[in-house]
C-alpha atoms as a PDB file:
ATOM      1  CA  MET A   1     104.847  39.698 304.749  1.00  0.00           C
ATOM      2  CA  ARG A   2     108.054  40.852 306.354  1.00  0.00           C
ATOM      3  CA  SER A   3     110.640  38.879 308.305  1.00  0.00           C
ATOM      4  CA  THR A   4     113.811  39.346 310.267  1.00  0.00           C
ATOM      5  CA  LEU A   5     116.376  36.944 311.650  1.00  0.00           C
ATOM      6  CA  LEU A   6     116.351  37.310 315.440  1.00  0.00           C
ATOM      7  CA  TYR A   7     118.970  34.733 316.380  1.00  0.00           C
ATOM      8  CA  GLU A   8     121.397  32.374 314.679  1.00  0.00           C
ATOM      9  CA  ARG A   9     123.669  29.876 316.347  1.00  0.00           C
ATOM     10  CA  GLY A  10     123.353  26.580 314.527  1.00  0.00           C
ATOM     11  CA  GLU A  11     119.578  27.027 314.382  1.00  0.00           C
ATOM     12  CA  ARG A  12     117.770  30.205 313.469  1.00  0.00           C
ATOM     13  CA  THR A  13     114.867  32.111 315.018  1.00  0.00           C
ATOM     14  CA  PHE A  14     112.779  34.415 312.822  1.00  0.00           C
ATOM     15  CA  ALA A  15     110.072  36.988 313.452  1.00  0.00           C
ATOM     16  CA  VAL A  16     107.602  36.918 310.549  1.00  0.00           C
ATOM     17  CA  VAL A  17     104.950  39.633 310.361  1.00  0.00           C
ATOM     18  CA  PHE A  18     102.078  39.191 307.933  1.00  0.00           C
ATOM     19  CA  ASP A  19     100.251  42.213 306.531  1.00  0.00           C
ATOM     20  CA  LYS A  20      96.633  42.871 305.540  1.00  0.00           C
ATOM     21  CA  ASP A  21      95.299  40.352 303.005  1.00  0.00           C
ATOM     22  CA  ASP A  22      98.357  38.055 303.146  1.00  0.00           C
ATOM     23  CA  ASP A  23      97.589  34.361 302.622  1.00  0.00           C
ATOM     24  CA  VAL A  24      99.124  32.620 305.646  1.00  0.00           C
ATOM     25  CA  LEU A  25      99.815  29.135 304.291  1.00  0.00           C
ATOM     26  CA  ARG A  26     100.952  30.269 300.829  1.00  0.00           C
ATOM     27  CA  ASP A  27     103.285  32.942 302.194  1.00  0.00           C
ATOM     28  CA  LEU A  28     104.668  30.861 305.068  1.00  0.00           C
ATOM     29  CA  THR A  29     105.374  27.976 302.673  1.00  0.00           C
ATOM     30  CA  ALA A  30     107.198  30.360 300.319  1.00  0.00           C
ATOM     31  CA  PHE A  31     109.213  31.682 303.285  1.00  0.00           C
ATOM     32  CA  ALA A  32     110.121  28.113 304.317  1.00  0.00           C
ATOM     33  CA  GLN A  33     111.298  27.373 300.769  1.00  0.00           C
ATOM     34  CA  THR A  34     113.343  30.576 300.530  1.00  0.00           C
ATOM     35  CA  GLN A  35     114.994  29.961 303.921  1.00  0.00           C
ATOM     36  CA  ARG A  36     115.497  26.240 303.133  1.00  0.00           C
ATOM     37  CA  LEU A  37     113.694  25.177 306.290  1.00  0.00           C
ATOM     38  CA  SER A  38     113.469  21.434 306.786  1.00  0.00           C
ATOM     39  CA  ALA A  39     112.432  21.317 310.432  1.00  0.00           C
ATOM     40  CA  SER A  40     110.895  24.168 312.420  1.00  0.00           C
ATOM     41  CA  HIS A  41     108.089  25.022 314.783  1.00  0.00           C
ATOM     42  CA  PHE A  42     106.172  28.256 315.216  1.00  0.00           C
ATOM     43  CA  THR A  43     103.574  30.144 317.219  1.00  0.00           C
ATOM     44  CA  ALA A  44     101.561  33.200 316.259  1.00  0.00           C
ATOM     45  CA  ILE A  45      98.838  35.633 317.292  1.00  0.00           C
ATOM     46  CA  GLY A  46      96.928  38.237 315.322  1.00  0.00           C
ATOM     47  CA  ALA A  47      93.685  38.342 313.358  1.00  0.00           C
ATOM     48  CA  PHE A  48      92.056  37.032 310.182  1.00  0.00           C
ATOM     49  CA  SER A  49      89.360  38.512 307.969  1.00  0.00           C
ATOM     50  CA  GLU A  50      88.383  34.951 307.014  1.00  0.00           C
ATOM     51  CA  VAL A  51      89.607  31.453 307.815  1.00  0.00           C
ATOM     52  CA  THR A  52      88.884  27.884 306.815  1.00  0.00           C
ATOM     53  CA  LEU A  53      89.440  25.296 309.509  1.00  0.00           C
ATOM     54  CA  GLY A  54      89.579  21.564 309.014  1.00  0.00           C
ATOM     55  CA  TYR A  55      88.358  18.692 311.144  1.00  0.00           C
ATOM     56  CA  PHE A  56      89.841  15.345 310.104  1.00  0.00           C
ATOM     57  CA  ASP A  57      87.167  12.762 309.359  1.00  0.00           C
ATOM     58  CA  ARG A  58      88.722   9.361 310.063  1.00  0.00           C
ATOM     59  CA  GLU A  59      86.161   7.445 308.028  1.00  0.00           C
ATOM     60  CA  ARG A  60      86.547   9.575 304.893  1.00  0.00           C
ATOM     61  CA  LYS A  61      90.299  10.162 305.455  1.00  0.00           C
ATOM     62  CA  SER A  62      89.854  13.816 304.575  1.00  0.00           C
ATOM     63  CA  TYR A  63      89.238  17.171 306.208  1.00  0.00           C
ATOM     64  CA  ARG A  64      85.730  18.492 306.717  1.00  0.00           C
ATOM     65  CA  LYS A  65      85.922  22.227 305.982  1.00  0.00           C
ATOM     66  CA  ILE A  66      84.658  24.746 308.531  1.00  0.00           C
ATOM     67  CA  VAL A  67      84.449  28.176 306.867  1.00  0.00           C
ATOM     68  CA  ILE A  68      84.380  31.254 309.076  1.00  0.00           C
ATOM     69  CA  ALA A  69      83.724  34.239 306.816  1.00  0.00           C
ATOM     70  CA  GLU A  70      84.106  37.015 309.381  1.00  0.00           C
ATOM     71  CA  GLN A  71      86.750  38.904 311.321  1.00  0.00           C
ATOM     72  CA  VAL A  72      88.278  36.731 314.067  1.00  0.00           C
ATOM     73  CA  GLU A  73      91.102  37.044 316.581  1.00  0.00           C
ATOM     74  CA  VAL A  74      93.860  34.441 316.361  1.00  0.00           C
ATOM     75  CA  LEU A  75      93.968  33.239 319.957  1.00  0.00           C
ATOM     76  CA  SER A  76      96.587  30.573 319.267  1.00  0.00           C
ATOM     77  CA  LEU A  77      98.304  29.382 316.124  1.00  0.00           C
ATOM     78  CA  ILE A  78     100.885  26.627 316.451  1.00  0.00           C
ATOM     79  CA  GLY A  79     102.534  24.425 313.897  1.00  0.00           C
ATOM     80  CA  ASP A  80     105.592  22.954 312.319  1.00  0.00           C
ATOM     81  CA  VAL A  81     107.478  22.769 309.060  1.00  0.00           C
ATOM     82  CA  ALA A  82     108.792  19.375 307.953  1.00  0.00           C
ATOM     83  CA  LEU A  83     109.927  17.945 304.653  1.00  0.00           C
ATOM     84  CA  GLU A  84     107.423  16.052 302.551  1.00  0.00           C
ATOM     85  CA  GLY A  85     108.701  14.808 299.219  1.00  0.00           C
ATOM     86  CA  GLY A  86     111.824  16.937 299.677  1.00  0.00           C
ATOM     87  CA  GLU A  87     109.825  20.179 300.027  1.00  0.00           C
ATOM     88  CA  PRO A  88     108.900  22.099 303.197  1.00  0.00           C
ATOM     89  CA  LYS A  89     105.300  21.437 304.263  1.00  0.00           C
ATOM     90  CA  VAL A  90     103.510  23.683 306.781  1.00  0.00           C
ATOM     91  CA  HIS A  91     101.196  21.949 309.262  1.00  0.00           C
ATOM     92  CA  ALA A  92      99.257  24.225 311.627  1.00  0.00           C
ATOM     93  CA  HIS A  93      96.395  24.201 314.098  1.00  0.00           C
ATOM     94  CA  VAL A  94      94.575  27.353 315.125  1.00  0.00           C
ATOM     95  CA  VAL A  95      92.037  28.560 317.667  1.00  0.00           C
ATOM     96  CA  VAL A  96      90.145  31.698 316.664  1.00  0.00           C
ATOM     97  CA  GLY A  97      87.741  33.840 318.665  1.00  0.00           C
ATOM     98  CA  LYS A  98      84.609  35.496 317.295  1.00  0.00           C
ATOM     99  CA  SER A  99      83.195  38.832 318.437  1.00  0.00           C
ATOM    100  CA  ASP A 100      80.671  37.068 320.696  1.00  0.00           C
ATOM    101  CA  GLY A 101      83.480  35.332 322.603  1.00  0.00           C
ATOM    102  CA  THR A 102      82.998  31.886 321.101  1.00  0.00           C
ATOM    103  CA  ALA A 103      86.086  30.003 319.986  1.00  0.00           C
ATOM    104  CA  HIS A 104      86.555  27.654 317.055  1.00  0.00           C
ATOM    105  CA  GLY A 105      89.583  25.554 316.295  1.00  0.00           C
ATOM    106  CA  GLY A 106      91.047  22.992 313.985  1.00  0.00           C
ATOM    107  CA  HIS A 107      93.595  22.358 311.295  1.00  0.00           C
ATOM    108  CA  LEU A 108      94.453  25.551 309.377  1.00  0.00           C
ATOM    109  CA  LEU A 109      93.406  25.062 305.748  1.00  0.00           C
ATOM    110  CA  GLN A 110      93.255  28.698 304.582  1.00  0.00           C
ATOM    111  CA  ALA A 111      93.431  32.138 306.179  1.00  0.00           C
ATOM    112  CA  LYS A 112      93.562  35.748 305.077  1.00  0.00           C
ATOM    113  CA  VAL A 113      95.262  38.147 307.488  1.00  0.00           C
ATOM    114  CA  TRP A 114      93.660  41.357 308.723  1.00  0.00           C
ATOM    115  CA  PRO A 115      95.229  43.517 310.069  1.00  0.00           C
ATOM    116  CA  THR A 116      98.326  41.525 311.112  1.00  0.00           C
ATOM    117  CA  LEU A 117      99.688  38.164 312.185  1.00  0.00           C
ATOM    118  CA  GLU A 118     102.845  38.032 314.302  1.00  0.00           C
ATOM    119  CA  LEU A 119     104.682  34.724 314.061  1.00  0.00           C
ATOM    120  CA  VAL A 120     107.881  33.488 315.719  1.00  0.00           C
ATOM    121  CA  LEU A 121     109.519  30.527 314.000  1.00  0.00           C
ATOM    122  CA  GLU A 122     112.356  28.472 315.469  1.00  0.00           C
ATOM    123  CA  GLU A 123     114.434  26.124 313.393  1.00  0.00           C
ATOM    124  CA  SER A 124     114.936  22.670 314.911  1.00  0.00           C
ATOM    125  CA  PRO A 125     118.351  21.006 315.139  1.00  0.00           C
ATOM    126  CA  VAL A 126     117.157  17.778 313.467  1.00  0.00           C
ATOM    127  CA  HIS A 127     115.595  17.554 310.028  1.00  0.00           C
ATOM    128  CA  LEU A 128     112.029  16.286 310.156  1.00  0.00           C
ATOM    129  CA  ARG A 129     110.514  14.283 307.347  1.00  0.00           C
ATOM    130  CA  ARG A 130     106.954  13.163 306.734  1.00  0.00           C
ATOM    131  CA  ARG A 131     105.861   9.714 305.555  1.00  0.00           C
ATOM    132  CA  MET A 132     102.462   8.565 304.395  1.00  0.00           C
ATOM    133  CA  ASP A 133     100.518   6.648 307.038  1.00  0.00           C
ATOM    134  CA  LEU A 134      98.229   4.312 305.123  1.00  0.00           C
ATOM    135  CA  ALA A 135      95.843   3.756 308.052  1.00  0.00           C
ATOM    136  CA  SER A 136      94.978   7.451 308.386  1.00  0.00           C
ATOM    137  CA  GLY A 137      95.805   8.691 304.898  1.00  0.00           C
ATOM    138  CA  LEU A 138      97.927  11.474 306.426  1.00  0.00           C
ATOM    139  CA  ALA A 139     101.596  12.373 306.017  1.00  0.00           C
ATOM    140  CA  LEU A 140     102.961  12.061 309.571  1.00  0.00           C
ATOM    141  CA  ILE A 141     106.376  13.026 310.949  1.00  0.00           C
ATOM    142  CA  ASP A 142     108.755  10.071 310.892  1.00  0.00           C
ATOM    143  CA  ILE A 143     111.218  10.653 313.737  1.00  0.00           C
ATOM    144  CA  GLU A 144     113.439   7.678 312.873  1.00  0.00           C
ATOM    145  CA  ARG A 145     113.935   8.754 309.255  1.00  0.00           C
ATOM    146  CA  GLY A 146     114.359  12.359 310.360  1.00  0.00           C
ATOM    147  CA  ARG A 147     117.202  11.509 312.742  1.00  0.00           C
ATOM    148  CA  ALA A 148     118.940   9.314 310.190  1.00  0.00           C
ATOM    149  CA  ALA A 149     118.911  12.170 307.690  1.00  0.00           C
ATOM    150  CA  ALA A 150     120.519  14.670 310.058  1.00  0.00           C
END
């Protein structure tokens, strides 16, 4: 994975280019830690050699895994970085296209890049923090706490 700072004036904008076999969530989380990101959003396009999507099951309060073990195009990848327990946490949703033209989407649980993934990340002016929502069992962005911390 390679990155460059495209713009900096209070907030920063980065171009992050993933290479063959890079692990998207692991490497993006490491980048967020290195850059001390506490609130950001990103978009990306590219391709994966394999991906695991997640569909949140409300009853079980957990993700049902959807494994796609084939080459797919990343039609849309969007997400954010917010603090959870003081550490940057990547949250992303993705839509991928198969060779037959069908599309599959969900929460991004795991992905291996092939041949590339091109991501643009913009830092937000307000720090975002996550808090545990007991009803869903998910860590959700808490806007009020995020503003107070800025």
